[in-house]
Amino acid sequence: MKNSLALFALVGASIMWGLGWLPLKALNQMGIEGIPLTFIAYGAITIVLLPLLIAQRASWRGEGRWLLLIALLGGYANLAFTTAMVYGEVIRVMVLFYLLPVWGVLGGFIFLKEKIDRARGIAVVIALAGAVLVLGGFNAFNGKLSWSDGLALSAGLTFAANNLVFRARQAAPVQSKVAAMLIGCFVIATVLVAMQVQAWPETSTTNFIYVALFGLGFILLATTGTQYGVTHMEAGRASIIIILELITAVISAMLIAGETMSTLEWMGGAMILSAAIIEARRSE
């Protein structure tokens, strides 16, 4: 029963994340820019999760500095990914973010002393080559990286680093680590709002409520589903199911937003997807 529930939760959460660009772009069209949007959505989440984090303080006492690191890495990853998705092309953002397995393998080798076997080495090479194709082949080296491309890449890199800390610090409860990550996103967004990096939206109270509901009803629900699924399922199987997020985003962006991919981008995306599958199956 628990395995079936975990499967359902992870499949549902992955599909939700793959469709997350729809509400993000809809809210942006209401005149709410990426950083204020993140501030409001994750602020609503913080109101819910901060009491939980405080209530569990006895369980994570001594792990405080690591929770701060998770808040910084995971918080930035969420903010960067959200902003890239609001302004960038959905397919490019998702494909570049899915270099995450590459950063996870390299980070595991550097910081956790995990071995890179032949399958992992092949996956890294394939994924990096795929990224070059997505970014325009040899033109990728001519400085033609857009700022949304850069945000997507940095989001994947920092989220992989966040996952490494998650894995390394087993003493802290999973709920506390998730709470720290989401609250960290709110704190970073708060700093950027205070610095007036983007103008505060002049819109109705109703639209602000929509953003808060997006945070509580979408982000928090999808995050809970993902964490429940990966906690109660074999790592390899969970990693393969999570790839539904990428597939859902690509298909929905093509059908709904009319986005297209060049031949090079198709080839690169297929290579990155293949690398993710290789790494996932290696973990079985």
Protein backbone atom coordinates (compact mmCIF):
# COMPACT_ATOMS: atom_id res chain seq x y z
CA MET A 1 0.00 0.00 0.00
CA LYS A 2 2.77 2.42 0.95
CA ASN A 3 4.66 1.67 -2.30
CA SER A 4 1.53 2.31 -4.36
CA LEU A 5 0.92 5.59 -2.56
CA ALA A 6 4.55 6.62 -3.08
CA LEU A 7 4.28 5.84 -6.80
CA PHE A 8 1.05 7.82 -7.11
CA ALA A 9 2.51 10.76 -5.18
CA LEU A 10 5.70 10.91 -7.24
CA VAL A 11 3.97 10.55 -10.61
CA GLY A 12 1.44 13.21 -9.67
CA ALA A 13 4.09 15.59 -8.34
CA SER A 14 6.30 15.14 -11.41
CA ILE A 15 3.41 15.93 -13.74
CA MET A 16 2.54 18.97 -11.60
CA TRP A 17 6.12 20.29 -11.81
CA GLY A 18 6.09 19.72 -15.56
CA LEU A 19 2.94 21.86 -15.85
CA GLY A 20 4.17 24.47 -13.36
CA TRP A 21 5.04 26.90 -16.13
CA LEU A 22 1.33 27.43 -16.88
CA PRO A 23 0.34 29.13 -13.60
CA LEU A 24 3.70 30.93 -13.45
CA LYS A 25 3.25 32.57 -16.83
CA ALA A 26 -0.43 33.25 -16.13
CA LEU A 27 0.42 35.04 -12.88
CA ASN A 28 3.15 37.00 -14.65
CA GLN A 29 0.62 38.14 -17.25
CA MET A 30 -1.36 39.68 -14.37
CA GLY A 31 1.54 42.10 -13.96
CA ILE A 32 3.43 40.24 -11.23
CA GLU A 33 7.15 39.93 -11.93
CA GLY A 34 9.21 36.87 -11.03
CA ILE A 35 10.81 38.04 -7.79
CA PRO A 36 7.65 39.54 -6.17
CA LEU A 37 5.79 36.43 -7.33
CA THR A 38 8.32 34.22 -5.57
CA PHE A 39 8.23 36.44 -2.47
CA ILE A 40 4.45 36.12 -2.12
CA ALA A 41 4.17 32.42 -2.99
CA TYR A 42 7.03 31.30 -0.76
CA GLY A 43 5.97 33.75 1.94
CA ALA A 44 2.66 31.89 2.21
CA ILE A 45 4.59 28.62 2.40
CA THR A 46 6.84 30.04 5.12
CA ILE A 47 3.83 30.89 7.28
CA VAL A 48 2.88 27.20 7.20
CA LEU A 49 6.34 25.63 7.50
CA LEU A 50 8.12 27.91 9.97
CA PRO A 51 6.16 26.53 12.98
CA LEU A 52 7.06 22.99 11.85
CA LEU A 53 10.75 23.88 11.61
CA ILE A 54 10.66 25.43 15.08
CA ALA A 55 8.76 22.45 16.52
CA GLN A 56 11.44 20.07 15.20
CA ARG A 57 14.38 22.11 16.50
CA ALA A 58 15.29 19.42 19.02
CA SER A 59 15.72 16.96 16.14
CA TRP A 60 18.00 19.17 14.07
CA ARG A 61 19.93 20.82 16.90
CA GLY A 62 23.62 20.68 15.95
CA GLU A 63 22.72 20.66 12.25
CA GLY A 64 21.83 24.35 12.11
CA ARG A 65 24.69 25.42 9.85
CA TRP A 66 23.81 22.69 7.38
CA LEU A 67 20.17 23.78 7.35
CA LEU A 68 21.40 27.30 6.59
CA LEU A 69 23.41 25.92 3.67
CA ILE A 70 20.33 24.07 2.41
CA ALA A 71 18.34 27.30 2.76
CA LEU A 72 20.93 29.15 0.67
CA LEU A 73 21.44 26.51 -2.04
CA GLY A 74 17.88 25.21 -2.27
CA GLY A 75 16.40 28.67 -1.81
CA TYR A 76 18.44 30.12 -4.67
CA ALA A 77 17.69 27.09 -6.87
CA ASN A 78 13.94 27.56 -6.42
CA LEU A 79 14.15 31.31 -7.04
CA ALA A 80 16.38 30.94 -10.12
CA PHE A 81 14.24 28.17 -11.61
CA THR A 82 11.00 30.10 -11.01
CA THR A 83 12.40 33.26 -12.56
CA ALA A 84 13.85 31.42 -15.55
CA MET A 85 10.51 29.68 -16.13
CA VAL A 86 8.60 32.98 -15.98
CA TYR A 87 10.73 34.72 -18.60
CA GLY A 88 12.45 31.99 -20.59
CA GLU A 89 11.38 29.38 -23.11
CA VAL A 90 9.90 26.50 -21.15
CA ILE A 91 11.61 23.74 -23.11
CA ARG A 92 15.09 25.30 -22.97
CA VAL A 93 14.78 26.06 -19.27
CA MET A 94 13.67 22.51 -18.44
CA VAL A 95 16.28 20.82 -20.61
CA LEU A 96 19.13 22.92 -19.21
CA PHE A 97 17.90 22.44 -15.64
CA TYR A 98 18.00 18.69 -16.27
CA LEU A 99 21.77 18.78 -16.38
CA LEU A 100 21.19 18.21 -12.66
CA PRO A 101 22.43 14.58 -12.80
CA VAL A 102 25.77 15.81 -14.17
CA TRP A 103 26.28 18.21 -11.28
CA GLY A 104 25.11 15.54 -8.85
CA VAL A 105 27.66 13.01 -10.13
CA LEU A 106 30.53 15.51 -10.14
CA GLY A 107 29.56 16.90 -6.73
CA GLY A 108 29.27 13.42 -5.27
CA PHE A 109 32.74 12.61 -6.59
CA ILE A 110 34.31 15.81 -5.23
CA PHE A 111 32.57 16.17 -1.88
CA LEU A 112 31.27 12.72 -0.94
CA LYS A 113 34.07 10.67 -2.53
CA GLU A 114 31.56 8.68 -4.59
CA LYS A 115 33.10 6.71 -7.44
CA ILE A 116 32.38 7.55 -11.07
CA ASP A 117 32.01 4.20 -12.81
CA ARG A 118 31.85 3.74 -16.57
CA ALA A 119 28.08 4.25 -16.80
CA ARG A 120 28.24 7.46 -14.80
CA GLY A 121 31.18 8.75 -16.83
CA ILE A 122 29.32 8.08 -20.08
CA ALA A 123 26.20 9.82 -18.72
CA VAL A 124 28.18 12.93 -17.80
CA VAL A 125 29.84 13.18 -21.21
CA ILE A 126 26.54 12.61 -23.07
CA ALA A 127 24.70 15.21 -20.97
CA LEU A 128 27.38 17.88 -21.36
CA ALA A 129 27.53 17.29 -25.10
CA GLY A 130 23.73 17.55 -25.20
CA ALA A 131 23.84 20.86 -23.35
CA VAL A 132 26.26 22.25 -25.93
CA LEU A 133 23.83 21.29 -28.70
CA VAL A 134 20.86 22.84 -26.89
CA LEU A 135 22.83 26.07 -26.51
CA GLY A 136 23.56 26.22 -30.23
CA GLY A 137 26.42 23.86 -30.94
CA PHE A 138 29.76 25.59 -31.37
CA ASN A 139 27.96 28.95 -31.09
CA ALA A 140 27.52 28.12 -27.40
CA PHE A 141 31.15 29.15 -26.94
CA ASN A 142 30.59 32.57 -28.52
CA GLY A 143 28.93 34.12 -25.48
CA LYS A 144 25.33 33.72 -26.75
CA LEU A 145 23.97 32.38 -23.47
CA SER A 146 20.78 34.23 -22.52
CA TRP A 147 20.21 35.29 -18.92
CA SER A 148 17.31 32.83 -18.58
CA ASP A 149 19.62 30.06 -19.86
CA GLY A 150 22.14 31.08 -17.20
CA LEU A 151 19.48 31.02 -14.49
CA ALA A 152 18.32 27.54 -15.57
CA LEU A 153 21.88 26.20 -15.52
CA SER A 154 22.64 27.75 -12.14
CA ALA A 155 19.34 26.45 -10.74
CA GLY A 156 20.27 22.90 -11.71
CA LEU A 157 23.77 23.30 -10.30
CA THR A 158 22.66 24.68 -6.94
CA PHE A 159 19.78 22.22 -6.64
CA ALA A 160 22.23 19.36 -7.19
CA ALA A 161 24.45 20.84 -4.46
CA ASN A 162 21.38 21.13 -2.23
CA ASN A 163 20.64 17.44 -2.81
CA LEU A 164 24.21 16.52 -1.88
CA VAL A 165 23.82 18.27 1.47
CA PHE A 166 20.42 16.59 1.91
CA ARG A 167 22.06 13.20 1.38
CA ALA A 168 25.13 13.91 3.49
CA ARG A 169 23.30 15.23 6.57
CA GLN A 170 21.08 12.31 7.56
CA ALA A 171 20.79 13.48 11.18
CA ALA A 172 18.34 16.29 10.34
CA PRO A 173 14.71 15.28 9.64
CA VAL A 174 13.67 15.40 5.98
CA GLN A 175 10.76 17.71 6.86
CA SER A 176 13.14 20.20 8.45
CA LYS A 177 15.44 20.17 5.43
CA VAL A 178 12.54 20.73 3.04
CA ALA A 179 11.21 23.54 5.22
CA ALA A 180 14.66 25.18 5.32
CA MET A 181 14.90 25.03 1.51
CA LEU A 182 11.51 26.62 0.89
CA ILE A 183 11.86 29.21 3.65
CA GLY A 184 15.32 30.03 2.30
CA CYS A 185 13.75 30.90 -1.04
CA PHE A 186 11.42 33.35 0.70
CA VAL A 187 14.31 34.97 2.59
CA ILE A 188 16.38 35.47 -0.58
CA ALA A 189 13.34 36.86 -2.41
CA THR A 190 12.73 39.21 0.54
CA VAL A 191 16.24 40.63 0.22
CA LEU A 192 15.79 41.17 -3.53
CA VAL A 193 12.39 42.81 -3.01
CA ALA A 194 13.92 45.13 -0.40
CA MET A 195 16.65 46.01 -2.91
CA GLN A 196 13.90 46.80 -5.47
CA VAL A 197 15.47 44.55 -8.07
CA GLN A 198 12.01 44.39 -9.65
CA ALA A 199 9.12 46.78 -9.17
CA TRP A 200 6.41 45.80 -6.72
CA PRO A 201 3.29 44.93 -8.75
CA GLU A 202 0.40 47.34 -8.92
CA THR A 203 -2.39 44.81 -9.08
CA SER A 204 -5.49 43.73 -7.19
CA THR A 205 -5.60 42.00 -3.83
CA THR A 206 -7.32 39.10 -5.58
CA ASN A 207 -4.25 38.53 -7.75
CA PHE A 208 -2.02 38.49 -4.68
CA ILE A 209 -4.30 35.83 -3.20
CA TYR A 210 -3.95 33.79 -6.40
CA VAL A 211 -0.15 33.87 -5.99
CA ALA A 212 -0.39 32.81 -2.34
CA LEU A 213 -2.71 29.95 -3.30
CA PHE A 214 -0.25 28.93 -6.01
CA GLY A 215 2.40 28.65 -3.31
CA LEU A 216 0.25 26.68 -0.89
CA GLY A 217 -1.81 24.64 -3.34
CA PHE A 218 0.80 23.94 -5.98
CA ILE A 219 4.40 24.35 -4.83
CA LEU A 220 3.89 22.98 -1.31
CA LEU A 221 1.71 20.10 -2.53
CA ALA A 222 4.08 19.15 -5.36
CA THR A 223 7.12 19.38 -3.07
CA THR A 224 5.41 17.17 -0.46
CA GLY A 225 4.51 14.62 -3.13
CA THR A 226 8.05 14.51 -4.47
CA GLN A 227 9.63 14.13 -1.05
CA TYR A 228 7.18 11.42 0.01
CA GLY A 229 7.78 9.52 -3.20
CA VAL A 230 11.57 9.59 -3.13
CA THR A 231 11.62 8.74 0.58
CA HIS A 232 9.52 5.58 0.15
CA MET A 233 10.79 4.32 -3.19
CA GLU A 234 14.01 2.85 -4.61
CA ALA A 235 16.35 5.62 -5.77
CA GLY A 236 16.68 4.37 -9.35
CA ARG A 237 12.95 3.92 -9.88
CA ALA A 238 12.21 7.32 -8.36
CA SER A 239 14.80 9.03 -10.57
CA ILE A 240 13.25 7.57 -13.72
CA ILE A 241 9.73 8.63 -12.68
CA ILE A 242 10.90 12.18 -11.95
CA ILE A 243 11.94 12.46 -15.62
CA LEU A 244 8.17 12.71 -16.28
CA GLU A 245 8.62 16.34 -15.21
CA LEU A 246 10.82 17.08 -18.22
CA ILE A 247 8.65 15.09 -20.63
CA THR A 248 5.44 16.76 -19.39
CA ALA A 249 6.96 20.24 -19.70
CA VAL A 250 8.24 19.65 -23.25
CA ILE A 251 4.98 18.16 -24.55
CA SER A 252 2.74 20.74 -22.85
CA ALA A 253 4.88 23.68 -24.03
CA MET A 254 4.70 22.42 -27.61
CA LEU A 255 0.95 21.75 -27.52
CA ILE A 256 -0.19 24.75 -25.46
CA ALA A 257 2.44 27.45 -25.98
CA GLY A 258 3.41 26.45 -29.50
CA GLU A 259 7.10 26.25 -28.65
CA THR A 260 9.36 24.47 -31.09
CA MET A 261 12.83 22.99 -31.02
CA SER A 262 15.51 23.04 -33.68
CA THR A 263 17.18 19.83 -34.80
CA LEU A 264 20.21 20.60 -32.62
CA GLU A 265 17.98 21.24 -29.60
CA TRP A 266 16.10 17.97 -30.18
CA MET A 267 19.38 16.08 -30.37
CA GLY A 268 20.73 17.79 -27.27
CA GLY A 269 17.53 17.26 -25.30
CA ALA A 270 17.49 13.57 -26.23
CA MET A 271 21.10 13.22 -25.07
CA ILE A 272 20.39 14.89 -21.73
CA LEU A 273 17.30 12.70 -21.25
CA SER A 274 19.35 9.60 -22.09
CA ALA A 275 22.02 10.61 -19.57
CA ALA A 276 19.38 11.08 -16.87
CA ILE A 277 17.99 7.60 -17.58
CA ILE A 278 21.49 6.04 -17.51
CA GLU A 279 22.20 7.63 -14.13
CA ALA A 280 18.78 6.63 -12.78
CA ARG A 281 19.16 3.00 -13.86
CA ARG A 282 22.68 2.88 -12.43
CA SER A 283 21.17 3.73 -9.04
CA GLU A 284 18.79 0.75 -9.08
